[in-house]
Amino acid sequence: MLQTRTLLTSGRTFILGGASLLIAALLALVLLTHASSSDAASSPDGSKLAGARPALGYAALDRPATPADSAGDLAARLQVFAQSTPELVVNQVRLVSTNTDRRVLLAPRSDGYVCIIVLFAKGGGMNCNTAGGPPQVMNYGAAIGAVPTSVTSVTYKLDDGSTVSRTPQDGLIYAPADATSVSYDANGTKASADLMPKSAKPEGLGNTAATLLSAP
């Protein structure tokens, strides 16, 4: 039986199956429903993006491209996301972090929003900051998000009511397993988003995705 859950950070609906959110080929099929694109949406190659790419406040997106940003199968895999999100400017995607289990990338959109993309050997997920909070790919008990370069600390609220502060690592933030929300201040602009603490995980669901999304 598939379960439907709307992630509050994006307003998009994920269809979950089995034990995992986001791991399509491992445990579940992940489908995303997107809001309709505006008439001014860019094509995936950025051909309709007016002028030069603006500085977005994210160090990774403000740096020049390197070969690693388009190495291997990245271009082909990014086109899958571009097909469902035409605002995504795939030729300006930047690789932020990589290890044996995953690759984390940031992607600008032609409408000014920013998306985080997490790719596993098979499967992956994307989330954009269209609701004002940080873009985050999450599962029960884990989340990877991105924050602007000006953000030097984020605050996680835990399910026992306490809070804990974390310092971004290369612009990425990693949620504790028991975090229910995250908040931060970016040059006077406050942002926050809800999370999925491990304690909210339905009984019987596995946790492979959470392991793949854990901090390095």
N, C-alpha and C. Protein backbone atom coordinates (compact mmCIF):
# COMPACT_ATOMS: atom_id res chain seq x y z
N MET A 1 0.86 -1.19 0.00
CA MET A 1 0.00 0.00 0.00
C MET A 1 0.89 1.23 0.00
N LEU A 2 0.73 2.13 -0.94
CA LEU A 2 1.52 3.34 -1.00
C LEU A 2 0.99 4.37 -0.03
N GLN A 3 1.93 5.13 0.56
CA GLN A 3 1.56 6.20 1.46
C GLN A 3 1.90 7.52 0.81
N THR A 4 1.09 8.55 1.06
CA THR A 4 1.35 9.86 0.50
C THR A 4 1.73 10.81 1.63
N ARG A 5 2.83 11.54 1.42
CA ARG A 5 3.26 12.49 2.43
C ARG A 5 3.70 13.77 1.74
N THR A 6 3.23 14.91 2.21
CA THR A 6 3.67 16.19 1.68
C THR A 6 4.76 16.75 2.58
N LEU A 7 5.94 17.00 2.00
CA LEU A 7 7.03 17.57 2.76
C LEU A 7 6.83 19.08 2.82
N LEU A 8 6.86 19.63 4.04
CA LEU A 8 6.51 21.02 4.22
C LEU A 8 7.55 21.97 3.65
N THR A 9 8.78 21.48 3.41
CA THR A 9 9.81 22.36 2.87
C THR A 9 9.58 22.69 1.41
N SER A 10 8.76 21.92 0.72
CA SER A 10 8.60 22.19 -0.71
C SER A 10 7.16 22.25 -1.16
N GLY A 11 6.26 21.70 -0.38
CA GLY A 11 4.88 21.65 -0.81
C GLY A 11 4.64 20.61 -1.87
N ARG A 12 5.58 19.73 -2.14
CA ARG A 12 5.42 18.70 -3.14
C ARG A 12 5.11 17.38 -2.47
N THR A 13 4.43 16.53 -3.20
CA THR A 13 3.98 15.27 -2.63
C THR A 13 4.87 14.12 -3.09
N PHE A 14 5.34 13.37 -2.12
CA PHE A 14 6.13 12.19 -2.41
C PHE A 14 5.26 10.97 -2.20
N ILE A 15 5.29 10.04 -3.13
CA ILE A 15 4.60 8.78 -2.97
C ILE A 15 5.61 7.77 -2.45
N LEU A 16 5.36 7.25 -1.27
CA LEU A 16 6.32 6.36 -0.63
C LEU A 16 5.86 4.92 -0.76
N GLY A 17 6.81 4.02 -0.96
CA GLY A 17 6.48 2.61 -0.99
C GLY A 17 7.50 1.84 -0.21
N GLY A 18 7.10 0.79 0.45
CA GLY A 18 8.05 -0.03 1.20
C GLY A 18 8.65 0.73 2.34
N ALA A 19 9.98 0.61 2.49
CA ALA A 19 10.64 1.15 3.67
C ALA A 19 11.31 2.47 3.44
N SER A 20 11.25 3.04 2.26
CA SER A 20 12.13 4.16 2.01
C SER A 20 11.47 5.26 1.22
N LEU A 21 11.86 6.50 1.57
CA LEU A 21 11.58 7.67 0.76
C LEU A 21 12.81 7.90 -0.09
N LEU A 22 12.63 8.09 -1.38
CA LEU A 22 13.68 8.49 -2.29
C LEU A 22 14.49 7.37 -2.93
N ILE A 23 14.53 6.15 -2.40
CA ILE A 23 15.42 5.14 -2.95
C ILE A 23 14.61 4.29 -3.91
N ALA A 24 14.43 4.77 -5.11
CA ALA A 24 13.51 4.13 -6.04
C ALA A 24 13.93 2.72 -6.38
N ALA A 25 15.18 2.52 -6.68
CA ALA A 25 15.60 1.19 -7.14
C ALA A 25 15.96 0.26 -6.00
N LEU A 26 16.12 0.82 -4.79
CA LEU A 26 16.50 -0.02 -3.67
C LEU A 26 15.30 -0.54 -2.90
N LEU A 27 14.43 0.38 -2.49
CA LEU A 27 13.32 -0.03 -1.63
C LEU A 27 11.97 0.48 -2.09
N ALA A 28 11.95 1.57 -2.86
CA ALA A 28 10.66 2.18 -3.15
C ALA A 28 10.69 2.91 -4.46
N LEU A 29 9.49 3.13 -5.01
CA LEU A 29 9.34 3.97 -6.18
C LEU A 29 8.93 5.34 -5.70
N VAL A 30 9.69 6.35 -6.11
CA VAL A 30 9.42 7.70 -5.65
C VAL A 30 8.89 8.53 -6.80
N LEU A 31 7.74 9.08 -6.61
CA LEU A 31 7.15 9.95 -7.61
C LEU A 31 6.96 11.31 -7.02
N LEU A 32 7.24 12.36 -7.79
CA LEU A 32 7.05 13.72 -7.32
C LEU A 32 6.01 14.39 -8.19
N THR A 33 5.10 15.13 -7.56
CA THR A 33 4.18 15.95 -8.32
C THR A 33 4.61 17.39 -8.15
N HIS A 34 4.72 18.10 -9.24
CA HIS A 34 5.25 19.45 -9.21
C HIS A 34 4.15 20.45 -9.53
N ALA A 35 4.35 21.63 -8.96
CA ALA A 35 3.45 22.73 -9.32
C ALA A 35 3.69 23.08 -10.77
N SER A 36 2.69 23.65 -11.41
CA SER A 36 2.85 23.99 -12.82
C SER A 36 3.90 25.07 -12.99
N SER A 37 4.63 25.02 -14.10
CA SER A 37 5.68 25.98 -14.37
C SER A 37 5.08 27.28 -14.87
N SER A 38 5.80 28.37 -14.63
CA SER A 38 5.34 29.65 -15.13
C SER A 38 5.67 29.75 -16.62
N ASP A 39 5.05 30.69 -17.29
CA ASP A 39 5.29 30.88 -18.72
C ASP A 39 6.74 31.30 -18.97
N ALA A 40 7.39 31.88 -17.96
CA ALA A 40 8.74 32.38 -18.13
C ALA A 40 9.79 31.34 -17.76
N ALA A 41 9.37 30.12 -17.49
CA ALA A 41 10.31 29.10 -17.05
C ALA A 41 11.38 28.87 -18.10
N SER A 42 12.62 28.64 -17.61
CA SER A 42 13.74 28.40 -18.50
C SER A 42 13.71 26.97 -19.00
N SER A 43 14.31 26.77 -20.17
CA SER A 43 14.58 25.42 -20.61
C SER A 43 15.70 24.86 -19.77
N PRO A 44 15.86 23.53 -19.68
CA PRO A 44 16.87 22.94 -18.81
C PRO A 44 18.29 23.42 -19.08
N ASP A 45 18.60 23.84 -20.31
CA ASP A 45 19.96 24.28 -20.59
C ASP A 45 20.17 25.76 -20.30
N GLY A 46 19.14 26.41 -19.75
CA GLY A 46 19.27 27.80 -19.37
C GLY A 46 19.14 28.77 -20.53
N SER A 47 18.70 28.32 -21.69
CA SER A 47 18.69 29.18 -22.87
C SER A 47 17.74 30.36 -22.73
N LYS A 48 16.74 30.26 -21.84
CA LYS A 48 15.81 31.37 -21.67
C LYS A 48 16.13 32.19 -20.42
N LEU A 49 17.23 31.85 -19.76
CA LEU A 49 17.61 32.58 -18.56
C LEU A 49 18.16 33.94 -18.98
N ALA A 50 17.54 35.00 -18.52
CA ALA A 50 17.94 36.33 -18.95
C ALA A 50 19.27 36.73 -18.32
N GLY A 51 20.22 37.14 -19.14
CA GLY A 51 21.48 37.64 -18.63
C GLY A 51 22.35 36.57 -18.01
N ALA A 52 23.38 36.98 -17.30
CA ALA A 52 24.30 36.05 -16.65
C ALA A 52 23.65 35.48 -15.40
N ARG A 53 24.14 34.32 -14.99
CA ARG A 53 23.61 33.70 -13.78
C ARG A 53 23.91 34.60 -12.58
N PRO A 54 22.89 34.99 -11.81
CA PRO A 54 23.12 35.90 -10.69
C PRO A 54 23.77 35.18 -9.52
N ALA A 55 24.45 35.94 -8.67
CA ALA A 55 24.98 35.37 -7.43
C ALA A 55 23.79 35.03 -6.54
N LEU A 56 23.73 33.80 -6.07
CA LEU A 56 22.57 33.34 -5.34
C LEU A 56 22.81 33.23 -3.84
N GLY A 57 24.02 33.55 -3.41
CA GLY A 57 24.31 33.48 -1.98
C GLY A 57 24.76 32.12 -1.52
N TYR A 58 24.90 31.18 -2.45
CA TYR A 58 25.40 29.85 -2.13
C TYR A 58 26.78 29.72 -2.79
N ALA A 59 27.80 29.48 -1.98
CA ALA A 59 29.16 29.47 -2.51
C ALA A 59 29.32 28.52 -3.69
N ALA A 60 28.71 27.35 -3.61
CA ALA A 60 28.86 26.37 -4.68
C ALA A 60 28.29 26.89 -6.00
N LEU A 61 27.19 27.63 -5.93
CA LEU A 61 26.56 28.13 -7.15
C LEU A 61 27.26 29.38 -7.69
N ASP A 62 28.04 30.04 -6.85
CA ASP A 62 28.73 31.25 -7.27
C ASP A 62 30.12 30.98 -7.83
N ARG A 63 30.59 29.77 -7.76
CA ARG A 63 31.93 29.45 -8.27
C ARG A 63 31.84 28.99 -9.73
N PRO A 64 32.95 29.07 -10.46
CA PRO A 64 32.96 28.57 -11.84
C PRO A 64 32.78 27.05 -11.86
N ALA A 65 32.34 26.55 -12.99
CA ALA A 65 32.16 25.10 -13.14
C ALA A 65 33.51 24.40 -13.18
N THR A 66 33.53 23.14 -12.74
CA THR A 66 34.70 22.29 -12.81
C THR A 66 34.29 20.99 -13.52
N PRO A 67 35.25 20.20 -13.99
CA PRO A 67 34.89 18.94 -14.64
C PRO A 67 34.05 18.02 -13.75
N ALA A 68 34.25 18.09 -12.44
CA ALA A 68 33.50 17.22 -11.53
C ALA A 68 32.01 17.51 -11.55
N ASP A 69 31.62 18.73 -11.93
CA ASP A 69 30.21 19.10 -11.92
C ASP A 69 29.40 18.39 -12.99
N SER A 70 30.08 17.82 -13.98
CA SER A 70 29.37 17.12 -15.06
C SER A 70 30.01 15.78 -15.38
N ALA A 71 30.75 15.23 -14.43
CA ALA A 71 31.48 13.99 -14.68
C ALA A 71 30.55 12.78 -14.72
N GLY A 72 31.00 11.75 -15.44
CA GLY A 72 30.28 10.48 -15.45
C GLY A 72 28.86 10.61 -15.96
N ASP A 73 27.92 10.05 -15.19
CA ASP A 73 26.53 9.99 -15.61
C ASP A 73 25.69 11.16 -15.11
N LEU A 74 26.35 12.20 -14.57
CA LEU A 74 25.59 13.29 -13.95
C LEU A 74 24.63 13.95 -14.94
N ALA A 75 25.12 14.28 -16.12
CA ALA A 75 24.27 15.00 -17.07
C ALA A 75 23.00 14.21 -17.39
N ALA A 76 23.15 12.92 -17.62
CA ALA A 76 21.99 12.09 -17.96
C ALA A 76 21.02 12.00 -16.79
N ARG A 77 21.56 11.86 -15.60
CA ARG A 77 20.68 11.70 -14.44
C ARG A 77 19.97 13.00 -14.10
N LEU A 78 20.63 14.12 -14.32
CA LEU A 78 20.00 15.40 -14.03
C LEU A 78 18.85 15.69 -14.99
N GLN A 79 18.93 15.18 -16.20
CA GLN A 79 17.85 15.39 -17.15
C GLN A 79 16.53 14.80 -16.66
N VAL A 80 16.60 13.75 -15.85
CA VAL A 80 15.39 13.16 -15.29
C VAL A 80 14.66 14.18 -14.43
N PHE A 81 15.43 14.91 -13.61
CA PHE A 81 14.82 15.95 -12.76
C PHE A 81 14.35 17.13 -13.60
N ALA A 82 15.10 17.47 -14.64
CA ALA A 82 14.73 18.60 -15.48
C ALA A 82 13.43 18.36 -16.23
N GLN A 83 13.14 17.12 -16.54
CA GLN A 83 11.90 16.81 -17.25
C GLN A 83 10.68 17.13 -16.41
N SER A 84 10.78 16.95 -15.09
CA SER A 84 9.65 17.24 -14.22
C SER A 84 9.71 18.64 -13.62
N THR A 85 10.88 19.27 -13.68
CA THR A 85 11.05 20.64 -13.17
C THR A 85 11.76 21.45 -14.25
N PRO A 86 11.03 21.99 -15.22
CA PRO A 86 11.66 22.69 -16.34
C PRO A 86 12.40 23.95 -15.93
N GLU A 87 12.13 24.45 -14.72
CA GLU A 87 12.86 25.64 -14.26
C GLU A 87 14.31 25.32 -13.89
N LEU A 88 14.63 24.05 -13.71
CA LEU A 88 15.97 23.65 -13.32
C LEU A 88 16.97 23.97 -14.43
N VAL A 89 18.06 24.65 -14.07
CA VAL A 89 19.09 25.00 -15.05
C VAL A 89 20.23 24.01 -14.89
N VAL A 90 20.17 22.91 -15.60
CA VAL A 90 21.06 21.78 -15.34
C VAL A 90 22.51 22.05 -15.71
N ASN A 91 22.76 22.97 -16.64
CA ASN A 91 24.16 23.23 -16.99
C ASN A 91 24.85 24.15 -16.00
N GLN A 92 24.14 24.52 -14.94
CA GLN A 92 24.74 25.33 -13.88
C GLN A 92 24.70 24.61 -12.53
N VAL A 93 24.45 23.31 -12.57
CA VAL A 93 24.48 22.50 -11.35
C VAL A 93 25.91 22.38 -10.85
N ARG A 94 26.07 22.38 -9.54
CA ARG A 94 27.39 22.27 -8.94
C ARG A 94 27.42 21.12 -7.94
N LEU A 95 28.47 20.32 -8.03
CA LEU A 95 28.69 19.23 -7.07
C LEU A 95 29.24 19.81 -5.78
N VAL A 96 28.60 19.48 -4.66
CA VAL A 96 29.00 20.03 -3.36
C VAL A 96 29.72 19.00 -2.51
N SER A 97 29.24 17.77 -2.54
CA SER A 97 29.81 16.73 -1.68
C SER A 97 29.65 15.38 -2.35
N THR A 98 30.62 14.50 -2.13
CA THR A 98 30.51 13.16 -2.69
C THR A 98 31.23 12.16 -1.79
N ASN A 99 30.67 10.96 -1.72
CA ASN A 99 31.34 9.85 -1.04
C ASN A 99 30.93 8.56 -1.74
N THR A 100 31.24 7.43 -1.15
CA THR A 100 30.96 6.17 -1.83
C THR A 100 29.47 5.88 -1.94
N ASP A 101 28.64 6.54 -1.12
CA ASP A 101 27.20 6.25 -1.11
C ASP A 101 26.35 7.25 -1.87
N ARG A 102 26.84 8.49 -2.02
CA ARG A 102 25.96 9.52 -2.57
C ARG A 102 26.77 10.68 -3.14
N ARG A 103 26.06 11.46 -3.98
CA ARG A 103 26.56 12.74 -4.45
C ARG A 103 25.52 13.80 -4.13
N VAL A 104 25.97 14.93 -3.62
CA VAL A 104 25.07 16.03 -3.28
C VAL A 104 25.39 17.21 -4.18
N LEU A 105 24.35 17.73 -4.83
CA LEU A 105 24.53 18.83 -5.77
C LEU A 105 23.54 19.95 -5.48
N LEU A 106 23.89 21.16 -5.89
CA LEU A 106 22.98 22.29 -5.84
C LEU A 106 22.69 22.73 -7.26
N ALA A 107 21.44 23.14 -7.48
CA ALA A 107 21.02 23.55 -8.82
C ALA A 107 20.20 24.83 -8.73
N PRO A 108 20.54 25.85 -9.52
CA PRO A 108 19.70 27.04 -9.57
C PRO A 108 18.49 26.81 -10.46
N ARG A 109 17.46 27.58 -10.23
CA ARG A 109 16.28 27.55 -11.09
C ARG A 109 16.12 28.90 -11.77
N SER A 110 15.49 28.91 -12.90
CA SER A 110 15.30 30.15 -13.65
C SER A 110 14.38 31.13 -12.95
N ASP A 111 13.61 30.65 -11.97
CA ASP A 111 12.70 31.53 -11.23
C ASP A 111 13.32 32.02 -9.92
N GLY A 112 14.62 31.76 -9.71
CA GLY A 112 15.32 32.29 -8.55
C GLY A 112 15.44 31.34 -7.38
N TYR A 113 14.74 30.22 -7.41
CA TYR A 113 14.84 29.26 -6.32
C TYR A 113 16.08 28.38 -6.50
N VAL A 114 16.40 27.65 -5.44
CA VAL A 114 17.56 26.76 -5.44
C VAL A 114 17.11 25.36 -5.02
N CYS A 115 17.66 24.35 -5.67
CA CYS A 115 17.31 22.97 -5.35
C CYS A 115 18.54 22.20 -4.89
N ILE A 116 18.33 21.27 -3.98
CA ILE A 116 19.35 20.32 -3.60
C ILE A 116 18.99 18.98 -4.22
N ILE A 117 19.98 18.32 -4.76
CA ILE A 117 19.79 17.01 -5.39
C ILE A 117 20.73 16.02 -4.74
N VAL A 118 20.20 14.89 -4.30
CA VAL A 118 21.03 13.84 -3.71
C VAL A 118 20.88 12.60 -4.60
N LEU A 119 21.99 12.13 -5.12
CA LEU A 119 22.00 10.96 -5.99
C LEU A 119 22.70 9.80 -5.31
N PHE A 120 22.05 8.64 -5.31
CA PHE A 120 22.66 7.41 -4.83
C PHE A 120 23.07 6.57 -6.02
N ALA A 121 23.66 5.44 -5.79
CA ALA A 121 24.04 4.58 -6.91
C ALA A 121 22.83 4.28 -7.77
N LYS A 122 21.70 4.05 -7.14
CA LYS A 122 20.43 3.88 -7.83
C LYS A 122 19.38 4.66 -7.06
N GLY A 123 18.76 5.59 -7.73
CA GLY A 123 17.74 6.40 -7.07
C GLY A 123 18.32 7.70 -6.56
N GLY A 124 17.46 8.53 -6.03
CA GLY A 124 17.87 9.83 -5.51
C GLY A 124 16.66 10.70 -5.26
N GLY A 125 16.89 11.93 -4.90
CA GLY A 125 15.78 12.84 -4.62
C GLY A 125 16.19 14.29 -4.79
N MET A 126 15.21 15.15 -4.97
CA MET A 126 15.44 16.58 -5.13
C MET A 126 14.40 17.35 -4.34
N ASN A 127 14.81 18.52 -3.82
CA ASN A 127 13.88 19.38 -3.11
C ASN A 127 14.32 20.82 -3.34
N CYS A 128 13.38 21.73 -3.49
CA CYS A 128 13.67 23.13 -3.77
C CYS A 128 13.11 24.03 -2.67
N ASN A 129 13.71 25.20 -2.52
CA ASN A 129 13.32 26.08 -1.41
C ASN A 129 12.15 26.99 -1.78
N THR A 130 11.17 26.44 -2.46
CA THR A 130 10.03 27.24 -2.92
C THR A 130 9.11 27.69 -1.79
N ALA A 131 9.22 27.08 -0.62
CA ALA A 131 8.36 27.46 0.50
C ALA A 131 9.08 28.36 1.50
N GLY A 132 10.31 28.77 1.19
CA GLY A 132 11.01 29.71 2.05
C GLY A 132 12.03 29.08 2.98
N GLY A 133 11.90 27.79 3.27
CA GLY A 133 12.88 27.12 4.12
C GLY A 133 14.03 26.60 3.29
N PRO A 134 14.99 25.95 3.92
CA PRO A 134 16.11 25.41 3.16
C PRO A 134 15.68 24.24 2.29
N PRO A 135 16.27 24.10 1.11
CA PRO A 135 15.98 22.89 0.32
C PRO A 135 16.58 21.69 1.04
N GLN A 136 15.80 20.62 1.20
CA GLN A 136 16.26 19.46 1.96
C GLN A 136 15.72 18.17 1.34
N VAL A 137 16.56 17.17 1.28
CA VAL A 137 16.13 15.82 0.95
C VAL A 137 16.10 15.06 2.26
N MET A 138 14.97 14.45 2.59
CA MET A 138 14.83 13.90 3.94
C MET A 138 14.16 12.54 3.96
N ASN A 139 14.32 11.89 5.10
CA ASN A 139 13.63 10.65 5.41
C ASN A 139 13.43 10.67 6.92
N TYR A 140 12.73 9.68 7.44
CA TYR A 140 12.57 9.61 8.89
C TYR A 140 13.94 9.45 9.55
N GLY A 141 14.31 10.43 10.36
CA GLY A 141 15.56 10.35 11.11
C GLY A 141 16.78 10.88 10.41
N ALA A 142 16.62 11.54 9.27
CA ALA A 142 17.78 12.08 8.56
C ALA A 142 17.34 13.09 7.51
N ALA A 143 18.19 14.08 7.27
CA ALA A 143 17.93 15.06 6.22
C ALA A 143 19.24 15.75 5.86
N ILE A 144 19.41 16.00 4.58
CA ILE A 144 20.52 16.83 4.10
C ILE A 144 19.92 18.07 3.49
N GLY A 145 20.38 19.24 3.94
CA GLY A 145 19.87 20.49 3.41
C GLY A 145 21.01 21.41 3.01
N ALA A 146 20.66 22.53 2.39
CA ALA A 146 21.64 23.52 1.97
C ALA A 146 21.22 24.89 2.49
N VAL A 147 22.20 25.68 2.88
CA VAL A 147 21.92 27.03 3.38
C VAL A 147 22.85 28.01 2.69
N PRO A 148 22.45 29.30 2.63
CA PRO A 148 23.33 30.31 2.03
C PRO A 148 24.66 30.41 2.77
N THR A 149 25.66 30.92 2.09
CA THR A 149 27.00 31.02 2.65
C THR A 149 27.04 31.87 3.92
N SER A 150 26.15 32.85 4.02
CA SER A 150 26.14 33.74 5.19
C SER A 150 25.71 33.04 6.47
N VAL A 151 25.08 31.88 6.35
CA VAL A 151 24.58 31.16 7.52
C VAL A 151 25.73 30.38 8.16
N THR A 152 26.06 30.72 9.39
CA THR A 152 27.16 30.05 10.09
C THR A 152 26.68 29.07 11.14
N SER A 153 25.38 29.07 11.42
CA SER A 153 24.83 28.14 12.41
C SER A 153 23.35 27.94 12.16
N VAL A 154 22.87 26.73 12.36
CA VAL A 154 21.44 26.44 12.28
C VAL A 154 21.01 25.82 13.60
N THR A 155 19.74 25.96 13.90
CA THR A 155 19.20 25.42 15.15
C THR A 155 18.17 24.34 14.84
N TYR A 156 18.38 23.18 15.42
CA TYR A 156 17.43 22.08 15.27
C TYR A 156 16.62 21.96 16.55
N LYS A 157 15.30 21.86 16.41
CA LYS A 157 14.45 21.54 17.54
C LYS A 157 14.26 20.04 17.57
N LEU A 158 14.46 19.44 18.74
CA LEU A 158 14.37 17.99 18.86
C LEU A 158 13.01 17.57 19.40
N ASP A 159 12.71 16.29 19.29
CA ASP A 159 11.38 15.83 19.66
C ASP A 159 11.13 15.84 21.17
N ASP A 160 12.18 16.08 21.98
CA ASP A 160 11.98 16.22 23.43
C ASP A 160 11.81 17.67 23.85
N GLY A 161 11.76 18.57 22.86
CA GLY A 161 11.57 19.99 23.13
C GLY A 161 12.85 20.79 23.24
N SER A 162 13.98 20.14 23.32
CA SER A 162 15.26 20.84 23.43
C SER A 162 15.74 21.27 22.04
N THR A 163 16.81 22.04 22.00
CA THR A 163 17.38 22.49 20.74
C THR A 163 18.88 22.21 20.72
N VAL A 164 19.43 22.12 19.51
CA VAL A 164 20.86 21.92 19.34
C VAL A 164 21.29 22.71 18.11
N SER A 165 22.46 23.32 18.19
CA SER A 165 22.98 24.10 17.08
C SER A 165 24.01 23.29 16.31
N ARG A 166 24.04 23.48 15.01
CA ARG A 166 25.00 22.80 14.14
C ARG A 166 25.61 23.81 13.17
N THR A 167 26.88 23.61 12.85
CA THR A 167 27.57 24.45 11.89
C THR A 167 27.51 23.80 10.51
N PRO A 168 27.12 24.55 9.48
CA PRO A 168 27.08 23.97 8.13
C PRO A 168 28.47 23.48 7.71
N GLN A 169 28.48 22.42 6.92
CA GLN A 169 29.70 21.86 6.37
C GLN A 169 29.68 22.07 4.86
N ASP A 170 30.51 22.95 4.38
CA ASP A 170 30.53 23.29 2.95
C ASP A 170 29.14 23.71 2.46
N GLY A 171 28.42 24.42 3.32
CA GLY A 171 27.10 24.91 2.96
C GLY A 171 25.98 23.90 3.12
N LEU A 172 26.31 22.70 3.62
CA LEU A 172 25.30 21.66 3.82
C LEU A 172 25.03 21.47 5.30
N ILE A 173 23.79 21.09 5.62
CA ILE A 173 23.41 20.82 7.00
C ILE A 173 22.83 19.41 7.09
N TYR A 174 23.11 18.76 8.21
CA TYR A 174 22.71 17.37 8.41
C TYR A 174 21.90 17.29 9.70
N ALA A 175 20.65 16.87 9.58
CA ALA A 175 19.74 16.87 10.73
C ALA A 175 20.03 15.71 11.68
N PRO A 176 19.94 15.96 12.99
CA PRO A 176 19.99 14.86 13.96
C PRO A 176 18.78 13.94 13.76
N ALA A 177 18.89 12.72 14.18
CA ALA A 177 17.81 11.74 13.97
C ALA A 177 16.51 12.14 14.66
N ASP A 178 16.62 12.90 15.76
CA ASP A 178 15.42 13.25 16.51
C ASP A 178 14.96 14.69 16.27
N ALA A 179 15.42 15.31 15.19
CA ALA A 179 15.05 16.70 14.90
C ALA A 179 13.65 16.78 14.29
N THR A 180 12.86 17.74 14.78
CA THR A 180 11.52 17.96 14.25
C THR A 180 11.45 19.20 13.36
N SER A 181 12.42 20.10 13.48
CA SER A 181 12.45 21.29 12.63
C SER A 181 13.85 21.89 12.64
N VAL A 182 14.10 22.76 11.67
CA VAL A 182 15.37 23.47 11.58
C VAL A 182 15.07 24.93 11.30
N SER A 183 15.90 25.82 11.84
CA SER A 183 15.72 27.25 11.59
C SER A 183 17.08 27.93 11.57
N TYR A 184 17.13 29.09 10.90
CA TYR A 184 18.37 29.85 10.85
C TYR A 184 18.05 31.28 10.42
N ASP A 185 19.05 32.13 10.52
CA ASP A 185 18.94 33.53 10.11
C ASP A 185 19.99 33.79 9.04
N ALA A 186 19.55 34.22 7.88
CA ALA A 186 20.47 34.54 6.79
C ALA A 186 20.45 36.05 6.55
N ASN A 187 21.40 36.74 7.15
CA ASN A 187 21.49 38.20 7.00
C ASN A 187 20.17 38.90 7.32
N GLY A 188 19.56 38.47 8.42
CA GLY A 188 18.33 39.10 8.87
C GLY A 188 17.06 38.46 8.35
N THR A 189 17.17 37.55 7.42
CA THR A 189 16.00 36.83 6.91
C THR A 189 15.91 35.48 7.60
N LYS A 190 14.84 35.29 8.35
CA LYS A 190 14.68 34.04 9.10
C LYS A 190 14.01 32.99 8.22
N ALA A 191 14.47 31.77 8.36
CA ALA A 191 13.90 30.66 7.59
C ALA A 191 13.78 29.45 8.49
N SER A 192 12.79 28.62 8.21
CA SER A 192 12.60 27.41 9.00
C SER A 192 11.88 26.36 8.15
N ALA A 193 11.97 25.12 8.60
CA ALA A 193 11.30 24.02 7.90
C ALA A 193 11.08 22.87 8.86
N ASP A 194 10.02 22.13 8.65
CA ASP A 194 9.74 20.94 9.44
C ASP A 194 10.56 19.76 8.92
N LEU A 195 10.82 18.82 9.83
CA LEU A 195 11.58 17.62 9.51
C LEU A 195 10.80 16.37 9.91
N MET A 196 11.39 15.22 9.67
CA MET A 196 10.75 13.94 9.96
C MET A 196 11.60 13.19 10.99
N PRO A 197 11.34 13.38 12.29
CA PRO A 197 12.15 12.69 13.30
C PRO A 197 11.98 11.18 13.24
N LYS A 198 12.99 10.49 13.68
CA LYS A 198 12.94 9.02 13.66
C LYS A 198 11.77 8.50 14.47
N SER A 199 11.40 9.22 15.53
CA SER A 199 10.31 8.78 16.40
C SER A 199 8.96 8.78 15.68
N ALA A 200 8.86 9.50 14.54
CA ALA A 200 7.61 9.55 13.79
C ALA A 200 7.52 8.45 12.73
N LYS A 201 8.55 7.67 12.58
CA LYS A 201 8.56 6.63 11.55
C LYS A 201 7.54 5.55 11.87
N PRO A 202 6.68 5.24 10.92
CA PRO A 202 5.69 4.18 11.15
C PRO A 202 6.37 2.85 11.47
N GLU A 203 5.76 2.11 12.36
CA GLU A 203 6.32 0.82 12.74
C GLU A 203 6.41 -0.11 11.53
N GLY A 204 7.53 -0.77 11.41
CA GLY A 204 7.71 -1.73 10.33
C GLY A 204 8.48 -1.20 9.14
N LEU A 205 8.62 0.14 9.05
CA LEU A 205 9.39 0.70 7.95
C LEU A 205 10.89 0.57 8.23
N GLY A 206 11.66 0.27 7.21
CA GLY A 206 13.11 0.19 7.35
C GLY A 206 13.73 1.57 7.41
N ASN A 207 15.04 1.63 7.47
CA ASN A 207 15.70 2.92 7.62
C ASN A 207 16.93 3.05 6.73
N THR A 208 16.95 2.35 5.61
CA THR A 208 18.10 2.42 4.73
C THR A 208 18.33 3.81 4.20
N ALA A 209 17.28 4.51 3.82
CA ALA A 209 17.43 5.85 3.28
C ALA A 209 18.04 6.77 4.30
N ALA A 210 17.63 6.67 5.56
CA ALA A 210 18.18 7.51 6.61
C ALA A 210 19.68 7.31 6.74
N THR A 211 20.12 6.07 6.61
CA THR A 211 21.55 5.79 6.69
C THR A 211 22.29 6.47 5.55
N LEU A 212 21.74 6.44 4.35
CA LEU A 212 22.38 7.04 3.20
C LEU A 212 22.38 8.57 3.28
N LEU A 213 21.47 9.15 4.07
CA LEU A 213 21.38 10.59 4.21
C LEU A 213 22.11 11.12 5.45
N SER A 214 22.77 10.26 6.18
CA SER A 214 23.40 10.67 7.43
C SER A 214 24.63 11.54 7.18
N ALA A 215 25.06 12.25 8.19
CA ALA A 215 26.23 13.13 8.08
C ALA A 215 27.48 12.32 7.79
N PRO A 216 28.43 12.93 7.06
CA PRO A 216 29.67 12.22 6.74
C PRO A 216 30.53 11.98 7.98
